[in-house]
Amino acid sequence: MAVQHTAHPKTGAHAVVASAKDPARRPDVLFRVRRAPDHEVSAWWHIGAFVVTSAAVVALLSFIPG
């Protein structure tokens, strides 16, 4: 028996990607930014975000009586 593959219309994320003119500006991606290939985000931004998030969690948990 031969298996026949039929072309299915693209749906969901596949349809969004297929119809996107600029993949960096897709409507389903909120914070994607196109940068030059040699430009990378500094690791300090991630470290700072971790420290701020951790401090916020500790501050919020300090309001819970225990």
N, C-alpha and C. Protein backbone atom coordinates (compact mmCIF):
# COMPACT_ATOMS: atom_id res chain seq x y z
N MET A 1 0.84 -1.18 0.00
CA MET A 1 0.00 0.00 0.00
C MET A 1 0.88 1.24 0.00
N ALA A 2 0.55 2.16 -0.82
CA ALA A 2 1.31 3.41 -0.90
C ALA A 2 0.65 4.45 -0.01
N VAL A 3 1.48 5.19 0.71
CA VAL A 3 0.97 6.24 1.58
C VAL A 3 0.96 7.54 0.80
N GLN A 4 -0.20 8.17 0.80
CA GLN A 4 -0.32 9.43 0.09
C GLN A 4 -0.26 10.56 1.10
N HIS A 5 0.58 11.55 0.80
CA HIS A 5 0.67 12.73 1.64
C HIS A 5 -0.10 13.86 0.98
N THR A 6 -1.05 14.38 1.71
CA THR A 6 -1.83 15.49 1.17
C THR A 6 -1.36 16.77 1.83
N ALA A 7 -1.38 17.84 1.08
CA ALA A 7 -0.97 19.13 1.61
C ALA A 7 -2.09 19.71 2.47
N HIS A 8 -1.80 19.93 3.73
CA HIS A 8 -2.78 20.51 4.64
C HIS A 8 -2.53 22.01 4.72
N PRO A 9 -3.58 22.79 4.85
CA PRO A 9 -3.36 24.22 5.03
C PRO A 9 -2.66 24.47 6.37
N LYS A 10 -1.78 25.42 6.37
CA LYS A 10 -1.04 25.73 7.59
C LYS A 10 -1.96 26.43 8.57
N THR A 11 -1.84 26.04 9.83
CA THR A 11 -2.66 26.64 10.87
C THR A 11 -1.78 27.02 12.05
N GLY A 12 -2.32 27.80 12.94
CA GLY A 12 -1.63 28.15 14.16
C GLY A 12 -0.34 28.90 13.92
N ALA A 13 0.72 28.52 14.65
CA ALA A 13 2.00 29.21 14.56
C ALA A 13 2.62 29.07 13.17
N HIS A 14 2.38 27.92 12.52
CA HIS A 14 2.94 27.74 11.18
C HIS A 14 2.37 28.76 10.21
N ALA A 15 1.10 29.07 10.34
CA ALA A 15 0.49 30.06 9.46
C ALA A 15 1.02 31.45 9.76
N VAL A 16 1.24 31.74 11.04
CA VAL A 16 1.75 33.06 11.41
C VAL A 16 3.15 33.25 10.85
N VAL A 17 3.98 32.23 11.00
CA VAL A 17 5.36 32.32 10.50
C VAL A 17 5.38 32.39 8.98
N ALA A 18 4.54 31.62 8.34
CA ALA A 18 4.52 31.59 6.88
C ALA A 18 4.06 32.92 6.30
N SER A 19 3.16 33.61 6.98
CA SER A 19 2.63 34.86 6.44
C SER A 19 3.36 36.09 6.98
N ALA A 20 4.35 35.90 7.84
CA ALA A 20 5.06 37.05 8.42
C ALA A 20 6.02 37.64 7.41
N LYS A 21 5.96 38.94 7.27
CA LYS A 21 6.90 39.62 6.38
C LYS A 21 8.26 39.75 7.04
N ASP A 22 8.27 40.05 8.31
CA ASP A 22 9.50 40.18 9.09
C ASP A 22 9.37 39.30 10.32
N PRO A 23 10.05 38.15 10.36
CA PRO A 23 9.87 37.22 11.48
C PRO A 23 10.19 37.82 12.84
N ALA A 24 11.03 38.86 12.90
CA ALA A 24 11.35 39.49 14.17
C ALA A 24 10.19 40.33 14.68
N ARG A 25 9.21 40.60 13.84
CA ARG A 25 8.06 41.43 14.23
C ARG A 25 6.76 40.62 14.22
N ARG A 26 6.87 39.30 14.40
CA ARG A 26 5.67 38.47 14.40
C ARG A 26 4.72 38.91 15.50
N PRO A 27 3.40 38.83 15.26
CA PRO A 27 2.44 39.26 16.26
C PRO A 27 2.39 38.36 17.49
N ASP A 28 2.89 37.12 17.40
CA ASP A 28 2.83 36.24 18.55
C ASP A 28 4.10 36.29 19.40
N VAL A 29 5.02 37.18 19.06
CA VAL A 29 6.25 37.34 19.85
C VAL A 29 6.28 38.79 20.32
N LEU A 30 6.23 38.99 21.64
CA LEU A 30 6.08 40.34 22.16
C LEU A 30 7.38 41.12 22.22
N PHE A 31 8.45 40.53 22.71
CA PHE A 31 9.64 41.30 23.03
C PHE A 31 10.84 40.97 22.15
N ARG A 32 10.62 40.40 20.99
CA ARG A 32 11.74 40.07 20.10
C ARG A 32 12.22 41.33 19.40
N VAL A 33 13.51 41.52 19.37
CA VAL A 33 14.11 42.69 18.73
C VAL A 33 15.19 42.21 17.79
N ARG A 34 15.21 42.71 16.59
CA ARG A 34 16.25 42.34 15.63
C ARG A 34 17.48 43.20 15.90
N ARG A 35 18.62 42.52 16.11
CA ARG A 35 19.88 43.21 16.35
C ARG A 35 20.91 42.74 15.34
N ALA A 36 22.01 43.45 15.26
CA ALA A 36 23.11 43.06 14.38
C ALA A 36 23.66 41.71 14.85
N PRO A 37 24.19 40.91 13.95
CA PRO A 37 24.69 39.58 14.34
C PRO A 37 25.77 39.60 15.41
N ASP A 38 26.59 40.64 15.45
CA ASP A 38 27.68 40.69 16.42
C ASP A 38 27.27 41.36 17.73
N HIS A 39 26.03 41.81 17.84
CA HIS A 39 25.57 42.49 19.05
C HIS A 39 24.85 41.49 19.95
N GLU A 40 25.36 41.31 21.16
CA GLU A 40 24.74 40.42 22.12
C GLU A 40 24.44 41.18 23.40
N VAL A 41 23.41 40.74 24.10
CA VAL A 41 23.03 41.37 25.35
C VAL A 41 24.06 41.01 26.41
N SER A 42 24.41 41.99 27.22
CA SER A 42 25.37 41.76 28.29
C SER A 42 24.78 40.80 29.31
N ALA A 43 25.61 39.92 29.85
CA ALA A 43 25.16 38.97 30.88
C ALA A 43 24.73 39.70 32.15
N TRP A 44 25.22 40.90 32.36
CA TRP A 44 24.86 41.66 33.56
C TRP A 44 23.37 42.00 33.60
N TRP A 45 22.73 42.13 32.44
CA TRP A 45 21.29 42.38 32.43
C TRP A 45 20.53 41.20 33.03
N HIS A 46 20.96 40.00 32.71
CA HIS A 46 20.31 38.80 33.25
C HIS A 46 20.60 38.65 34.73
N ILE A 47 21.81 38.96 35.13
CA ILE A 47 22.15 38.89 36.56
C ILE A 47 21.35 39.91 37.34
N GLY A 48 21.26 41.13 36.82
CA GLY A 48 20.49 42.18 37.49
C GLY A 48 19.00 41.84 37.57
N ALA A 49 18.46 41.27 36.51
CA ALA A 49 17.05 40.88 36.52
C ALA A 49 16.80 39.80 37.56
N PHE A 50 17.74 38.86 37.69
CA PHE A 50 17.61 37.81 38.71
C PHE A 50 17.64 38.40 40.12
N VAL A 51 18.57 39.33 40.35
CA VAL A 51 18.68 39.94 41.68
C VAL A 51 17.43 40.74 42.02
N VAL A 52 16.93 41.52 41.07
CA VAL A 52 15.73 42.33 41.32
C VAL A 52 14.52 41.43 41.55
N THR A 53 14.37 40.39 40.76
CA THR A 53 13.24 39.47 40.93
C THR A 53 13.33 38.75 42.27
N SER A 54 14.52 38.31 42.63
CA SER A 54 14.70 37.63 43.92
C SER A 54 14.37 38.57 45.08
N ALA A 55 14.83 39.81 44.99
CA ALA A 55 14.54 40.78 46.05
C ALA A 55 13.04 41.05 46.16
N ALA A 56 12.36 41.12 45.01
CA ALA A 56 10.91 41.36 45.03
C ALA A 56 10.18 40.18 45.66
N VAL A 57 10.60 38.97 45.36
CA VAL A 57 9.96 37.78 45.94
C VAL A 57 10.18 37.75 47.44
N VAL A 58 11.40 38.02 47.89
CA VAL A 58 11.69 38.03 49.33
C VAL A 58 10.88 39.12 50.02
N ALA A 59 10.79 40.29 49.40
CA ALA A 59 10.02 41.39 50.00
C ALA A 59 8.54 41.02 50.10
N LEU A 60 7.99 40.41 49.08
CA LEU A 60 6.58 40.01 49.12
C LEU A 60 6.33 38.90 50.13
N LEU A 61 7.28 37.98 50.23
CA LEU A 61 7.11 36.88 51.19
C LEU A 61 7.25 37.35 52.64
N SER A 62 7.90 38.48 52.83
CA SER A 62 8.06 38.98 54.19
C SER A 62 6.72 39.47 54.76
N PHE A 63 5.74 39.71 53.90
CA PHE A 63 4.42 40.14 54.38
C PHE A 63 3.56 38.97 54.86
N ILE A 64 3.98 37.75 54.54
CA ILE A 64 3.22 36.57 54.96
C ILE A 64 3.61 36.23 56.39
N PRO A 65 2.64 36.23 57.30
CA PRO A 65 2.99 35.91 58.69
C PRO A 65 3.38 34.45 58.82
N GLY A 66 4.34 34.21 59.69
CA GLY A 66 4.75 32.84 59.81
C GLY A 66 5.29 32.56 61.13
